[in-house]
C-alpha atoms as a PDB file:
ATOM      1  CA  MET A   1     -17.654  24.983  16.960  1.00  0.00           C
ATOM      2  CA  ALA A   2     -19.364  21.616  16.039  1.00  0.00           C
ATOM      3  CA  LEU A   3     -18.460  22.402  12.482  1.00  0.00           C
ATOM      4  CA  LEU A   4     -14.612  22.439  13.355  1.00  0.00           C
ATOM      5  CA  VAL A   5     -14.942  19.356  15.452  1.00  0.00           C
ATOM      6  CA  LEU A   6     -16.686  17.581  12.515  1.00  0.00           C
ATOM      7  CA  ALA A   7     -14.103  18.906  10.036  1.00  0.00           C
ATOM      8  CA  ARG A   8     -11.170  17.692  12.074  1.00  0.00           C
ATOM      9  CA  GLU A   9     -12.733  14.313  12.379  1.00  0.00           C
ATOM     10  CA  ALA A  10     -13.275  14.225   8.638  1.00  0.00           C
ATOM     11  CA  SER A  11      -9.549  15.399   8.324  1.00  0.00           C
ATOM     12  CA  SER A  12      -8.250  12.347  10.329  1.00  0.00           C
ATOM     13  CA  PHE A  13     -10.449   9.914   8.780  1.00  0.00           C
ATOM     14  CA  TRP A  14      -9.068  10.814   5.393  1.00  0.00           C
ATOM     15  CA  ASP A  15      -5.494  10.470   7.094  1.00  0.00           C
ATOM     16  CA  ILE A  16      -6.132   6.880   6.970  1.00  0.00           C
ATOM     17  CA  PHE A  17      -5.525   6.853   3.283  1.00  0.00           C
ATOM     18  CA  SER A  18      -2.322   9.025   3.490  1.00  0.00           C
ATOM     19  CA  PHE A  19      -0.482   6.231   2.198  1.00  0.00           C
ATOM     20  CA  VAL A  20      -1.978   6.942  -1.299  1.00  0.00           C
ATOM     21  CA  ASP A  21       0.420   9.951  -1.669  1.00  0.00           C
ATOM     22  CA  GLN A  22       3.515   7.660  -0.790  1.00  0.00           C
ATOM     23  CA  ILE A  23       2.845   5.325  -3.733  1.00  0.00           C
ATOM     24  CA  ASP A  24       5.459   5.758  -6.428  1.00  0.00           C
ATOM     25  CA  THR A  25       5.505   4.423 -10.025  1.00  0.00           C
ATOM     26  CA  LEU A  26       7.372   1.175  -9.101  1.00  0.00           C
ATOM     27  CA  GLN A  27       4.954   0.544  -6.398  1.00  0.00           C
ATOM     28  CA  ALA A  28       1.864   1.063  -8.315  1.00  0.00           C
ATOM     29  CA  ILE A  29       3.050  -1.241 -11.124  1.00  0.00           C
ATOM     30  CA  ILE A  30       4.055  -4.051  -8.495  1.00  0.00           C
ATOM     31  CA  LEU A  31       0.355  -3.825  -6.981  1.00  0.00           C
ATOM     32  CA  ILE A  32      -1.385  -3.564 -10.328  1.00  0.00           C
ATOM     33  CA  ALA A  33       0.983  -6.562 -11.588  1.00  0.00           C
ATOM     34  CA  GLY A  34      -0.220  -8.513  -8.582  1.00  0.00           C
ATOM     35  CA  LEU A  35      -3.688  -8.126  -9.063  1.00  0.00           C
ATOM     36  CA  ILE A  36      -3.611  -8.716 -12.657  1.00  0.00           C
ATOM     37  CA  LEU A  37      -1.612 -12.378 -12.008  1.00  0.00           C
ATOM     38  CA  LEU A  38      -4.485 -12.931  -9.222  1.00  0.00           C
ATOM     39  CA  ILE A  39      -7.094 -12.083 -11.812  1.00  0.00           C
ATOM     40  CA  ALA A  40      -5.282 -14.275 -14.541  1.00  0.00           C
ATOM     41  CA  GLU A  41      -5.060 -17.430 -11.942  1.00  0.00           C
ATOM     42  CA  ILE A  42      -8.564 -17.834 -12.480  1.00  0.00           C
ATOM     43  CA  PHE A  43      -8.157 -18.579 -16.279  1.00  0.00           C
ATOM     44  CA  LEU A  44      -4.882 -20.093 -16.240  1.00  0.00           C
ATOM     45  CA  PRO A  45      -4.338 -23.804 -15.445  1.00  0.00           C
ATOM     46  CA  ASP A  46      -0.883 -23.278 -13.795  1.00  0.00           C
ATOM     47  CA  PHE A  47      -1.023 -25.105 -10.329  1.00  0.00           C
ATOM     48  CA  GLY A  48      -0.941 -21.538  -8.593  1.00  0.00           C
ATOM     49  CA  ILE A  49       2.239 -19.860  -9.899  1.00  0.00           C
ATOM     50  CA  ALA A  50       0.303 -16.698 -11.303  1.00  0.00           C
ATOM     51  CA  GLY A  51      -1.799 -16.672  -8.038  1.00  0.00           C
ATOM     52  CA  GLY A  52       1.416 -17.166  -5.708  1.00  0.00           C
ATOM     53  CA  SER A  53       3.316 -14.521  -7.839  1.00  0.00           C
ATOM     54  CA  GLY A  54       0.488 -12.117  -7.643  1.00  0.00           C
ATOM     55  CA  ILE A  55      -0.071 -12.751  -3.773  1.00  0.00           C
ATOM     56  CA  ALA A  56       3.883 -12.188  -3.466  1.00  0.00           C
ATOM     57  CA  LEU A  57       3.760  -9.031  -5.484  1.00  0.00           C
ATOM     58  CA  ILE A  58       0.968  -7.273  -3.816  1.00  0.00           C
ATOM     59  CA  ILE A  59       2.773  -8.142  -0.105  1.00  0.00           C
ATOM     60  CA  LEU A  60       5.756  -6.664  -1.608  1.00  0.00           C
ATOM     61  CA  GLY A  61       3.900  -3.413  -2.941  1.00  0.00           C
ATOM     62  CA  ILE A  62       2.367  -3.005   0.451  1.00  0.00           C
ATOM     63  CA  ILE A  63       5.628  -3.475   2.298  1.00  0.00           C
ATOM     64  CA  LEU A  64       7.570  -1.063  -0.028  1.00  0.00           C
ATOM     65  CA  THR A  65       4.238   1.464   0.467  1.00  0.00           C
ATOM     66  CA  ALA A  66       3.219   1.756   3.716  1.00  0.00           C
ATOM     67  CA  GLU A  67       5.087   3.194   6.538  1.00  0.00           C
ATOM     68  CA  THR A  68       3.210   1.769   9.661  1.00  0.00           C
ATOM     69  CA  PHE A  69       1.409  -1.609  10.405  1.00  0.00           C
ATOM     70  CA  PHE A  70      -1.925   0.475  10.359  1.00  0.00           C
ATOM     71  CA  GLU A  71      -1.297   1.829   6.793  1.00  0.00           C
ATOM     72  CA  ALA A  72      -0.288  -1.905   5.519  1.00  0.00           C
ATOM     73  CA  PHE A  73      -3.428  -3.458   7.069  1.00  0.00           C
ATOM     74  CA  ILE A  74      -5.881  -0.623   5.530  1.00  0.00           C
ATOM     75  CA  MET A  75      -4.034  -1.101   2.053  1.00  0.00           C
ATOM     76  CA  PHE A  76      -4.448  -4.942   2.574  1.00  0.00           C
ATOM     77  CA  LEU A  77      -8.279  -4.094   3.157  1.00  0.00           C
ATOM     78  CA  LEU A  78      -8.810  -2.253  -0.026  1.00  0.00           C
ATOM     79  CA  LEU A  79      -6.999  -4.525  -2.238  1.00  0.00           C
ATOM     80  CA  LEU A  80      -9.246  -7.617  -0.523  1.00  0.00           C
ATOM     81  CA  VAL A  81     -12.094  -5.581  -1.552  1.00  0.00           C
ATOM     82  CA  VAL A  82     -10.788  -4.648  -5.012  1.00  0.00           C
ATOM     83  CA  VAL A  83     -10.274  -8.246  -5.477  1.00  0.00           C
ATOM     84  CA  ALA A  84     -13.681  -9.200  -4.325  1.00  0.00           C
ATOM     85  CA  ILE A  85     -15.085  -6.599  -6.693  1.00  0.00           C
ATOM     86  CA  VAL A  86     -13.543  -8.014  -9.532  1.00  0.00           C
ATOM     87  CA  LEU A  87     -13.970 -11.724  -8.802  1.00  0.00           C
ATOM     88  CA  THR A  88     -17.745 -11.076  -8.509  1.00  0.00           C
ATOM     89  CA  ILE A  89     -17.738  -9.298 -11.737  1.00  0.00           C
ATOM     90  CA  VAL A  90     -15.730 -12.094 -13.459  1.00  0.00           C
ATOM     91  CA  ILE A  91     -18.011 -14.784 -11.592  1.00  0.00           C
ATOM     92  CA  ARG A  92     -21.239 -13.102 -12.974  1.00  0.00           C
ATOM     93  CA  SER A  93     -19.585 -13.021 -16.465  1.00  0.00           C
ATOM     94  CA  ALA A  94     -18.736 -16.567 -16.397  1.00  0.00           C
ATOM     95  CA  ARG A  95     -22.140 -17.527 -15.270  1.00  0.00           C
ATOM     96  CA  LYS A  96     -24.262 -15.428 -17.789  1.00  0.00           C
ATOM     97  CA  GLY A  97     -21.822 -13.238 -20.207  1.00  0.00           C
ATOM     98  CA  LYS A  98     -19.555 -13.881 -22.967  1.00  0.00           C
ATOM     99  CA  LEU A  99     -17.166 -15.650 -20.833  1.00  0.00           C
ATOM    100  CA  SER A 100     -19.427 -18.724 -19.916  1.00  0.00           C
ATOM    101  CA  ARG A 101     -19.520 -19.174 -23.920  1.00  0.00           C
ATOM    102  CA  THR A 102     -15.919 -19.317 -23.714  1.00  0.00           C
ATOM    103  CA  LEU A 103     -15.041 -21.357 -20.660  1.00  0.00           C
ATOM    104  CA  ILE A 104     -18.002 -23.772 -20.049  1.00  0.00           C
ATOM    105  CA  LEU A 105     -18.475 -26.582 -22.628  1.00  0.00           C
ATOM    106  CA  GLN A 106     -21.994 -26.236 -24.032  1.00  0.00           C
ATOM    107  CA  SER A 107     -22.438 -29.540 -25.563  1.00  0.00           C
ATOM    108  CA  ALA A 108     -22.328 -33.008 -24.167  1.00  0.00           C
ATOM    109  CA  ALA A 109     -20.297 -36.236 -25.073  1.00  0.00           C
ATOM    110  CA  ARG A 110     -23.049 -38.655 -24.695  1.00  0.00           C
ATOM    111  CA  ARG A 111     -22.869 -42.616 -25.104  1.00  0.00           C
ATOM    112  CA  GLU A 112     -25.811 -42.152 -27.229  1.00  0.00           C
ATOM    113  CA  ASP A 113     -24.031 -40.399 -29.641  1.00  0.00           C
ATOM    114  CA  GLY A 114     -21.243 -42.698 -29.701  1.00  0.00           C
ATOM    115  CA  TYR A 115     -18.933 -41.265 -27.255  1.00  0.00           C
ATOM    116  CA  SER A 116     -17.313 -43.580 -24.678  1.00  0.00           C
ATOM    117  CA  SER A 117     -14.393 -42.705 -22.326  1.00  0.00           C
ATOM    118  CA  SER A 118     -13.481 -46.639 -22.337  1.00  0.00           C
ATOM    119  CA  ASN A 119     -14.512 -49.819 -23.903  1.00  0.00           C
ATOM    120  CA  ASP A 120     -17.700 -51.327 -22.040  1.00  0.00           C
ATOM    121  CA  PRO A 121     -16.580 -54.607 -20.661  1.00  0.00           C
ATOM    122  CA  ARG A 122     -20.090 -55.718 -20.267  1.00  0.00           C
ATOM    123  CA  ALA A 123     -20.033 -56.694 -23.848  1.00  0.00           C
ATOM    124  CA  LEU A 124     -17.695 -59.544 -22.944  1.00  0.00           C
ATOM    125  CA  ILE A 125     -20.116 -61.274 -20.364  1.00  0.00           C
ATOM    126  CA  GLY A 126     -20.855 -64.740 -21.647  1.00  0.00           C
ATOM    127  CA  LEU A 127     -17.908 -65.193 -23.535  1.00  0.00           C
ATOM    128  CA  ARG A 128     -16.285 -68.792 -23.501  1.00  0.00           C
ATOM    129  CA  GLY A 129     -12.510 -69.143 -23.630  1.00  0.00           C
ATOM    130  CA  GLN A 130      -9.799 -71.015 -21.877  1.00  0.00           C
ATOM    131  CA  ALA A 131      -7.283 -70.304 -18.700  1.00  0.00           C
ATOM    132  CA  VAL A 132      -3.894 -69.337 -20.416  1.00  0.00           C
ATOM    133  CA  THR A 133      -2.533 -69.372 -16.853  1.00  0.00           C
ATOM    134  CA  SER A 134      -3.586 -70.630 -13.386  1.00  0.00           C
ATOM    135  CA  LEU A 135      -6.029 -68.537 -11.869  1.00  0.00           C
ATOM    136  CA  ARG A 136      -5.338 -67.983  -8.374  1.00  0.00           C
ATOM    137  CA  PRO A 137      -7.541 -66.194  -8.333  1.00  0.00           C
ATOM    138  CA  ALA A 138      -5.997 -63.612 -10.959  1.00  0.00           C
ATOM    139  CA  GLY A 139      -4.685 -64.741 -14.305  1.00  0.00           C
ATOM    140  CA  THR A 140      -5.053 -64.526 -18.031  1.00  0.00           C
ATOM    141  CA  ALA A 141      -7.554 -66.463 -20.229  1.00  0.00           C
ATOM    142  CA  GLU A 142      -7.847 -66.317 -23.857  1.00  0.00           C
ATOM    143  CA  PHE A 143     -11.230 -65.349 -25.739  1.00  0.00           C
ATOM    144  CA  ASP A 144     -11.347 -65.956 -29.266  1.00  0.00           C
ATOM    145  CA  GLY A 145      -7.668 -65.384 -29.648  1.00  0.00           C
ATOM    146  CA  ILE A 146      -7.256 -62.407 -27.437  1.00  0.00           C
ATOM    147  CA  ARG A 147      -5.567 -62.485 -23.935  1.00  0.00           C
ATOM    148  CA  ILE A 148      -7.377 -61.038 -21.277  1.00  0.00           C
ATOM    149  CA  ASP A 149      -6.492 -60.345 -17.561  1.00  0.00           C
ATOM    150  CA  VAL A 150      -9.379 -62.040 -15.477  1.00  0.00           C
ATOM    151  CA  VAL A 151     -10.234 -62.829 -11.927  1.00  0.00           C
ATOM    152  CA  THR A 152     -12.171 -65.680 -10.344  1.00  0.00           C
ATOM    153  CA  ASN A 153     -14.584 -65.325  -7.347  1.00  0.00           C
ATOM    154  CA  GLY A 154     -11.868 -66.579  -5.211  1.00  0.00           C
ATOM    155  CA  SER A 155     -11.552 -70.205  -6.271  1.00  0.00           C
ATOM    156  CA  PHE A 156      -8.478 -71.853  -8.205  1.00  0.00           C
ATOM    157  CA  ILE A 157      -8.620 -72.756 -11.742  1.00  0.00           C
ATOM    158  CA  GLU A 158      -6.111 -74.557 -13.096  1.00  0.00           C
ATOM    159  CA  LYS A 159      -4.429 -73.644 -16.507  1.00  0.00           C
ATOM    160  CA  GLY A 160      -6.197 -75.038 -19.717  1.00  0.00           C
ATOM    161  CA  THR A 161      -9.663 -75.048 -18.034  1.00  0.00           C
ATOM    162  CA  PRO A 162     -12.498 -73.856 -20.222  1.00  0.00           C
ATOM    163  CA  VAL A 163     -14.052 -70.459 -18.564  1.00  0.00           C
ATOM    164  CA  ARG A 164     -16.990 -68.272 -19.035  1.00  0.00           C
ATOM    165  CA  ILE A 165     -16.998 -64.522 -18.368  1.00  0.00           C
ATOM    166  CA  ILE A 166     -19.937 -63.937 -15.704  1.00  0.00           C
ATOM    167  CA  THR A 167     -19.262 -60.337 -14.575  1.00  0.00           C
ATOM    168  CA  ALA A 168     -17.543 -57.400 -16.113  1.00  0.00           C
ATOM    169  CA  TYR A 169     -17.257 -53.971 -14.619  1.00  0.00           C
ATOM    170  CA  GLY A 170     -14.470 -51.435 -14.863  1.00  0.00           C
ATOM    171  CA  SER A 171     -11.068 -53.377 -15.685  1.00  0.00           C
ATOM    172  CA  ARG A 172     -12.110 -56.407 -13.513  1.00  0.00           C
ATOM    173  CA  ILE A 173     -13.591 -59.154 -15.667  1.00  0.00           C
ATOM    174  CA  VAL A 174     -14.680 -62.207 -13.500  1.00  0.00           C
ATOM    175  CA  VAL A 175     -14.600 -65.842 -14.712  1.00  0.00           C
ATOM    176  CA  GLU A 176     -15.846 -69.296 -13.574  1.00  0.00           C
ATOM    177  CA  PRO A 177     -15.152 -72.699 -14.898  1.00  0.00           C
ATOM    178  CA  ASP A 178     -17.356 -73.192 -18.106  1.00  0.00           C
ATOM    179  CA  ARG A 179     -19.208 -76.774 -17.530  1.00  0.00           C
ATOM    180  CA  SER A 180     -21.235 -76.287 -20.730  1.00  0.00           C
ATOM    181  CA  ASP A 181     -20.915 -78.941 -23.309  1.00  0.00           C
ATOM    182  CA  SER A 182     -20.752 -75.877 -26.148  1.00  0.00           C
ATOM    183  CA  MET A 183     -17.095 -74.950 -25.603  1.00  0.00           C
ATOM    184  CA  THR A 184     -16.098 -72.805 -28.593  1.00  0.00           C
ATOM    185  CA  ALA A 185     -12.961 -71.585 -27.694  1.00  0.00           C
ATOM    186  CA  SER A 186     -10.007 -73.121 -28.952  1.00  0.00           C
ATOM    187  CA  ALA A 187      -6.379 -74.176 -27.121  1.00  0.00           C
ATOM    188  CA  PRO A 188      -4.426 -71.369 -26.255  1.00  0.00           C
ATOM    189  CA  SER A 189      -1.287 -70.833 -28.381  1.00  0.00           C
ATOM    190  CA  ASP A 190       2.179 -71.276 -26.513  1.00  0.00           C
ATOM    191  CA  SER A 191       3.840 -67.912 -27.663  1.00  0.00           C
END
């Protein structure tokens, strides 16, 4: 008798997966295509198009296959487990396997090797030039024939005043009036 009850309970447990019999070729293709697109989203920089399409296809496949909400929920959980397993394998491969050699840059572009993302403005510190425009506090100054956008520390500097670069970081170049006797810059041209 206990064996019969156990067999009946086992039978009802496997009834949860009755939707597997209902999956036709079209639904299987839709579900598999959705999973493939979700996996492709990891590798393709497409702003979520593949992932969104994959999710839409999976939802469509579940709607076409499941007859009850419970079946849809079970299918969703199973697909979630499949996606989790695949992601775990892919992430593990990305860290330790062949995928890591393909996706991860193994070399570095260091400044010591001559690589730079922009010109280093610190090389400009100490240059002497002349204000081409009035600096209120921003404007243009000319240094060795090159016009550069500059700012002051808040003070007003008249056009034609000798200036010296005191700090430079990023694209911000700060000048102050140059009061030294050794002014080396020529007067700015009127072009």
